[in-house]
Amino acid sequence: MAPSSDRKLTGLVAATFTPFTQEGEINLSVIGPYIDYLREKHGVNNIFVNGTTGESLSLSVGERKDLAEEWCQKAKGKMDQVIVHVGCISLKDSQELARHAAEVGADGIAVMTPFFFKPSTAEALRKFLQQVASFAPNVPFYYYHIPAVTGVHMQARDVLEGIETLIPSFRGVKFSGTDLMDFGLCVTYSPAHWSLLYGVDEQLLAGLAMGAQGAVGSTYNYVGCHMNELISAFEKGDLIQAQSVQFKLQELLRFANKLGFDVGVNKQLMIEMSGLCLGPPRLPVLPCSPDHTLAIRQKCLSLFPAL
C-alpha cells in the first residue's frame, strides 16, 4: 500500500528549534507564530521537527508527542509538509513515536540510528529501521544519516541496499554528512520517487550539484530567504550568484564556530533574528553568552543585511 501522504519532498526544510519556557518546560504557544515566521519571512514551507536542532534526545517521549501534535496541528493548511523525527536509542520508544506521528497527521517520519548500542552492520540498521517503520506503514519514511553525531560511520549507500523491499514506505534520506561520494552514490541508486535531502547547510551548493532535491537545516530558520535565492540561482544556472550566497553562509558559520557554535548558540541566534521567545536550550547544552550572541548577530547582519 502506498503511503497516504505521498508527495515528493523538495526545497528547503527548516530543522526547527524546540521552544522552552525559561523554566525549561516545552512551550507550545510559540509554535503557531514560529510557523508563520518561516512562511512569511523566509518562504520556507516544510519543517523537520524533533530532530538534532530540536534537541530530541534531551526530550521525554511524552514531550516529543506533545510537540509533534502541536507542530502538525498548527502547520495544517500553512506548511506543505511536516516531517517528524522519531528516532530514539530504544526501539520501543521509536515505535511508539512513529505510531503517534501517524495518528497526528505527520507527512513523513525520519529515524537516525541508535548510537549507544550501535548497529554493527548495514543489515542490522535496516532491520531496526524496518521495525520502526512498521508502526506507521502508511507514512513516508526517511533515513536520517548523521554520522558525526551518532558515531555510526557506515556508508548511507550501504544502508539503502534493498531497503524498499523491507520498507515499502521508504521515501529517501536526510543526508547530514560531508562524504559527497557517498551522497552521490545514494543519488544514483535512488528511484525517482525518493527525495535525497542534503543536511550540511554550509555545503548546500555542493549537495545540489550532486543531485539533492532539497535540503534540511537549522540555518534555514533565519537565513532561509537567502538560501532559497541560492537554490533559485542554481536552477537558473547562475553559479556565481549561488556561490555568493553559499560563501556568505560559510563565512558566518566559520565566525560562529570560533565562538563554539552549538545548539545553544544557534538557538540564541534564531531568537535574535526572529524575535521569537524560544527559551534556553536544555542541559547539558548551555545558553549562549550575551557577548557571543551580539557578535554573531552583528556578523549575520553584516553578511545578510536584508534580514
Protein backbone atom coordinates (compact mmCIF):
# COMPACT_ATOMS: atom_id res chain seq x y z
CA MET A 1 0.00 0.00 0.00
CA ALA A 2 1.36 3.43 -0.91
CA PRO A 3 1.82 5.97 1.89
CA SER A 4 -1.22 8.15 2.45
CA SER A 5 0.75 11.41 2.19
CA ASP A 6 2.92 10.51 -0.77
CA ARG A 7 4.06 13.88 -2.12
CA LYS A 8 7.71 14.20 -3.03
CA LEU A 9 9.57 16.36 -0.54
CA THR A 10 11.66 19.07 -2.22
CA GLY A 11 13.06 22.52 -1.48
CA LEU A 12 14.11 23.94 1.86
CA VAL A 13 13.09 22.19 5.07
CA ALA A 14 13.74 24.06 8.32
CA ALA A 15 15.01 21.88 11.15
CA THR A 16 13.10 23.57 13.94
CA PHE A 17 14.23 24.51 17.42
CA THR A 18 12.14 23.33 20.36
CA PRO A 19 10.60 26.25 22.26
CA PHE A 20 11.11 26.12 26.03
CA THR A 21 9.96 28.35 28.85
CA GLN A 22 12.62 29.99 30.99
CA GLU A 23 11.94 27.21 33.50
CA GLY A 24 12.87 24.57 30.90
CA GLU A 25 9.42 23.21 30.03
CA ILE A 26 8.27 22.88 26.42
CA ASN A 27 6.37 25.97 25.26
CA LEU A 28 3.72 25.01 22.71
CA SER A 29 2.31 28.55 22.46
CA VAL A 30 5.25 29.69 20.30
CA ILE A 31 4.76 27.08 17.57
CA GLY A 32 1.99 28.90 15.68
CA PRO A 33 3.92 32.19 15.41
CA TYR A 34 7.08 30.21 14.57
CA ILE A 35 5.36 28.61 11.56
CA ASP A 36 4.07 31.99 10.39
CA TYR A 37 7.57 33.48 10.68
CA LEU A 38 9.10 30.75 8.50
CA ARG A 39 6.45 31.14 5.81
CA GLU A 40 6.11 34.90 5.73
CA LYS A 41 9.71 35.97 6.33
CA HIS A 42 11.65 33.21 4.59
CA GLY A 43 9.33 31.37 2.22
CA VAL A 44 10.12 28.09 3.99
CA ASN A 45 7.17 25.74 3.63
CA ASN A 46 8.45 22.46 5.08
CA ILE A 47 9.67 21.62 8.59
CA PHE A 48 11.64 18.82 10.22
CA VAL A 49 10.71 18.68 13.91
CA ASN A 50 12.15 16.95 16.97
CA GLY A 51 15.50 16.41 15.28
CA THR A 52 19.02 17.34 16.34
CA THR A 53 18.28 21.07 16.23
CA GLY A 54 15.13 20.37 18.25
CA GLU A 55 17.17 18.62 21.00
CA SER A 56 15.04 15.49 20.56
CA LEU A 57 17.27 13.13 22.51
CA SER A 58 17.05 15.51 25.50
CA LEU A 59 13.25 15.27 25.49
CA SER A 60 10.94 12.69 27.04
CA VAL A 61 8.70 10.57 24.82
CA GLY A 62 5.70 12.47 26.20
CA GLU A 63 7.24 15.82 25.35
CA ARG A 64 8.04 14.68 21.84
CA LYS A 65 4.45 13.55 21.36
CA ASP A 66 3.08 16.87 22.54
CA LEU A 67 5.43 18.76 20.24
CA ALA A 68 4.70 16.57 17.22
CA GLU A 69 0.97 17.00 17.67
CA GLU A 70 1.21 20.78 18.04
CA TRP A 71 3.55 21.20 15.05
CA CYS A 72 1.27 19.09 12.85
CA GLN A 73 -1.89 20.83 14.03
CA LYS A 74 -0.58 24.37 13.66
CA ALA A 75 1.08 23.63 10.29
CA LYS A 76 -2.12 22.28 8.72
CA GLY A 77 -3.04 24.46 5.75
CA LYS A 78 0.15 26.51 6.13
CA MET A 79 3.11 24.19 5.64
CA ASP A 80 3.47 21.79 2.72
CA GLN A 81 4.97 19.01 4.81
CA VAL A 82 5.84 18.26 8.43
CA ILE A 83 8.45 15.54 8.91
CA VAL A 84 8.68 14.22 12.48
CA HIS A 85 11.90 12.67 13.67
CA VAL A 86 11.03 9.63 15.82
CA GLY A 87 14.49 8.10 16.31
CA CYS A 88 15.46 7.01 19.83
CA ILE A 89 18.02 4.79 21.46
CA SER A 90 15.13 2.49 22.42
CA LEU A 91 13.37 0.60 19.63
CA LYS A 92 10.12 0.59 21.63
CA ASP A 93 10.20 4.36 22.11
CA SER A 94 10.85 4.87 18.40
CA GLN A 95 7.94 2.61 17.51
CA GLU A 96 5.62 4.44 19.88
CA LEU A 97 6.63 7.82 18.44
CA ALA A 98 6.16 6.52 14.88
CA ARG A 99 2.67 5.27 15.70
CA HIS A 100 1.81 8.59 17.33
CA ALA A 101 3.19 10.64 14.40
CA ALA A 102 0.89 8.75 12.05
CA GLU A 103 -2.07 9.44 14.34
CA VAL A 104 -1.46 13.20 14.47
CA GLY A 105 -1.07 13.56 10.71
CA ALA A 106 2.66 13.82 10.09
CA ASP A 107 3.55 13.94 6.40
CA GLY A 108 6.64 11.84 7.00
CA ILE A 109 8.77 10.31 9.73
CA ALA A 110 12.54 10.11 9.96
CA VAL A 111 14.83 7.92 12.06
CA MET A 112 18.51 8.21 12.92
CA THR A 113 20.50 5.17 14.01
CA PRO A 114 20.75 4.27 17.69
CA PHE A 115 24.16 5.34 18.96
CA PHE A 116 24.78 3.77 22.36
CA PHE A 117 24.44 0.14 21.35
CA LYS A 118 25.33 0.74 17.72
CA PRO A 119 24.31 -1.44 14.76
CA SER A 120 27.38 -3.38 13.65
CA THR A 121 26.26 -3.77 10.03
CA ALA A 122 24.03 -2.08 7.48
CA GLU A 123 21.73 -5.09 7.72
CA ALA A 124 21.28 -4.57 11.45
CA LEU A 125 20.43 -0.90 10.92
CA ARG A 126 17.96 -1.74 8.13
CA LYS A 127 16.21 -4.19 10.47
CA PHE A 128 15.95 -1.51 13.16
CA LEU A 129 14.52 1.00 10.66
CA GLN A 130 12.07 -1.60 9.35
CA GLN A 131 10.80 -2.34 12.85
CA VAL A 132 10.13 1.37 13.42
CA ALA A 133 8.52 1.93 10.02
CA SER A 134 6.15 -0.99 10.59
CA PHE A 135 4.33 1.06 13.25
CA ALA A 136 3.47 3.76 10.67
CA PRO A 137 3.27 1.80 7.40
CA ASN A 138 1.28 4.45 5.53
CA VAL A 139 3.59 7.37 6.35
CA PRO A 140 6.58 8.22 4.11
CA PHE A 141 9.76 7.09 5.85
CA TYR A 142 13.21 8.72 5.70
CA TYR A 143 16.57 7.53 6.99
CA TYR A 144 18.38 10.30 8.89
CA HIS A 145 22.11 9.90 8.26
CA ILE A 146 24.22 11.98 10.68
CA PRO A 147 27.44 10.10 11.42
CA ALA A 148 29.27 12.97 13.15
CA VAL A 149 26.65 12.89 15.91
CA THR A 150 25.79 9.18 16.10
CA GLY A 151 29.31 7.85 15.65
CA VAL A 152 27.92 5.27 13.21
CA HIS A 153 30.09 5.79 10.15
CA MET A 154 28.77 3.12 7.80
CA GLN A 155 28.04 4.37 4.28
CA ALA A 156 24.48 5.57 3.73
CA ARG A 157 24.56 3.87 0.33
CA ASP A 158 25.05 0.52 2.07
CA VAL A 159 22.03 1.17 4.29
CA LEU A 160 19.88 1.81 1.19
CA GLU A 161 20.67 -1.55 -0.40
CA GLY A 162 17.30 -3.27 -0.89
CA ILE A 163 15.63 -1.09 1.72
CA GLU A 164 12.36 -0.54 -0.16
CA THR A 165 11.77 -4.28 -0.10
CA LEU A 166 11.88 -4.15 3.69
CA ILE A 167 10.16 -0.75 3.99
CA PRO A 168 7.64 -0.12 1.18
CA SER A 169 7.00 3.37 2.58
CA PHE A 170 10.69 4.35 2.24
CA ARG A 171 10.99 7.71 0.52
CA GLY A 172 14.52 9.00 0.96
CA VAL A 173 17.43 10.18 3.06
CA LYS A 174 18.24 13.21 5.17
CA PHE A 175 21.97 13.11 4.47
CA SER A 176 23.73 15.15 7.15
CA GLY A 177 27.23 14.01 6.32
CA THR A 178 30.12 15.54 4.39
CA ASP A 179 31.05 12.49 2.28
CA LEU A 180 29.89 13.70 -1.12
CA MET A 181 30.95 10.46 -2.80
CA ASP A 182 28.61 8.53 -0.51
CA PHE A 183 25.87 11.08 -1.18
CA GLY A 184 26.39 10.79 -4.93
CA LEU A 185 26.13 7.02 -4.71
CA CYS A 186 22.85 7.42 -2.83
CA VAL A 187 21.56 9.73 -5.58
CA THR A 188 22.45 7.32 -8.37
CA TYR A 189 20.90 4.38 -6.50
CA SER A 190 17.64 6.19 -5.71
CA PRO A 191 14.45 5.75 -7.75
CA ALA A 192 12.62 8.85 -8.93
CA HIS A 193 10.05 8.84 -6.13
CA TRP A 194 12.68 9.15 -3.38
CA SER A 195 13.90 12.50 -2.04
CA LEU A 196 17.60 12.99 -1.39
CA LEU A 197 17.80 15.86 1.10
CA TYR A 198 21.18 17.36 1.87
CA GLY A 199 21.72 18.29 5.51
CA VAL A 200 25.00 20.24 5.68
CA ASP A 201 23.97 23.86 5.28
CA GLU A 202 27.45 25.19 4.53
CA GLN A 203 27.78 22.74 1.61
CA LEU A 204 24.27 23.03 0.15
CA LEU A 205 25.52 24.12 -3.26
CA ALA A 206 27.74 21.03 -3.49
CA GLY A 207 24.80 18.88 -2.47
CA LEU A 208 22.64 20.41 -5.20
CA ALA A 209 25.37 19.82 -7.76
CA MET A 210 25.47 16.16 -6.70
CA GLY A 211 21.72 15.80 -7.21
CA ALA A 212 19.98 16.80 -3.98
CA GLN A 213 16.31 17.60 -4.47
CA GLY A 214 16.02 19.52 -1.22
CA ALA A 215 17.79 20.43 1.98
CA VAL A 216 17.15 20.17 5.71
CA GLY A 217 18.99 22.54 8.02
CA SER A 218 18.92 24.73 11.10
CA THR A 219 20.17 27.94 9.46
CA TYR A 220 17.15 27.92 7.14
CA ASN A 221 15.19 29.12 10.17
CA TYR A 222 16.83 32.54 9.93
CA VAL A 223 18.55 32.79 6.53
CA GLY A 224 16.03 30.69 4.59
CA CYS A 225 15.07 33.50 2.22
CA HIS A 226 18.70 33.77 1.11
CA MET A 227 19.14 30.03 0.76
CA ASN A 228 16.02 29.98 -1.39
CA GLU A 229 17.85 32.53 -3.57
CA LEU A 230 20.79 30.13 -3.75
CA ILE A 231 18.56 27.30 -4.94
CA SER A 232 16.85 29.57 -7.47
CA ALA A 233 20.19 30.79 -8.82
CA PHE A 234 21.47 27.21 -9.11
CA GLU A 235 18.36 26.12 -11.00
CA LYS A 236 18.82 29.04 -13.41
CA GLY A 237 22.46 28.13 -13.99
CA ASP A 238 23.74 31.27 -12.25
CA LEU A 239 26.64 29.65 -10.42
CA ILE A 240 28.26 32.97 -9.48
CA GLN A 241 25.17 34.12 -7.57
CA ALA A 242 24.70 30.72 -5.95
CA GLN A 243 28.33 30.72 -4.82
CA SER A 244 27.97 34.24 -3.45
CA VAL A 245 25.17 33.20 -1.10
CA GLN A 246 26.89 29.97 -0.12
CA PHE A 247 30.16 31.71 0.69
CA LYS A 248 28.36 34.20 2.93
CA LEU A 249 26.83 31.39 4.96
CA GLN A 250 30.22 29.69 5.19
CA GLU A 251 31.76 32.91 6.48
CA LEU A 252 29.01 33.24 9.11
CA LEU A 253 29.48 29.67 10.32
CA ARG A 254 33.27 29.98 10.29
CA PHE A 255 32.95 33.02 12.55
CA ALA A 256 30.39 31.33 14.80
CA ASN A 257 32.44 28.15 15.10
CA LYS A 258 35.33 30.14 16.55
CA LEU A 259 32.98 31.07 19.41
CA GLY A 260 31.81 27.49 19.95
CA PHE A 261 28.80 27.15 17.65
CA ASP A 262 26.46 24.53 19.12
CA VAL A 263 22.70 24.12 19.52
CA GLY A 264 22.62 26.70 22.31
CA VAL A 265 24.41 29.35 20.27
CA ASN A 266 22.40 28.51 17.15
CA LYS A 267 19.14 28.75 19.07
CA GLN A 268 20.09 32.12 20.53
CA LEU A 269 20.91 33.41 17.06
CA MET A 270 17.44 32.32 15.92
CA ILE A 271 15.91 34.17 18.87
CA GLU A 272 17.84 37.32 18.00
CA MET A 273 16.97 37.19 14.30
CA SER A 274 13.30 36.18 14.66
CA GLY A 275 12.19 37.81 17.90
CA LEU A 276 10.53 34.55 18.94
CA CYS A 277 10.68 33.52 22.61
CA LEU A 278 12.28 30.11 22.25
CA GLY A 279 13.86 29.95 25.68
CA PRO A 280 17.18 28.39 26.67
CA PRO A 281 18.48 25.03 25.49
CA ARG A 282 18.16 22.03 27.80
CA LEU A 283 21.11 20.83 29.82
CA PRO A 284 23.76 19.66 29.20
CA VAL A 285 23.73 22.29 26.42
CA LEU A 286 24.46 25.72 27.87
CA PRO A 287 22.94 29.04 26.80
CA CYS A 288 24.96 31.37 24.62
CA SER A 289 26.73 34.20 26.43
CA PRO A 290 25.45 37.74 25.71
CA ASP A 291 28.81 38.77 24.20
CA HIS A 292 28.87 35.84 21.78
CA THR A 293 25.23 36.42 20.89
CA LEU A 294 25.87 40.05 19.99
CA ALA A 295 28.99 39.24 17.96
CA ILE A 296 27.31 36.50 15.91
CA ARG A 297 24.19 38.59 15.35
CA GLN A 298 26.28 41.51 14.07
CA LYS A 299 28.20 39.17 11.78
CA CYS A 300 24.96 37.71 10.42
CA LEU A 301 23.53 41.15 9.68
CA SER A 302 26.76 42.30 8.03
CA LEU A 303 26.60 39.36 5.63
CA PHE A 304 22.82 39.29 5.18
CA PRO A 305 21.71 42.92 5.77
CA ALA A 306 18.21 42.31 4.39
CA LEU A 307 17.41 40.27 7.48
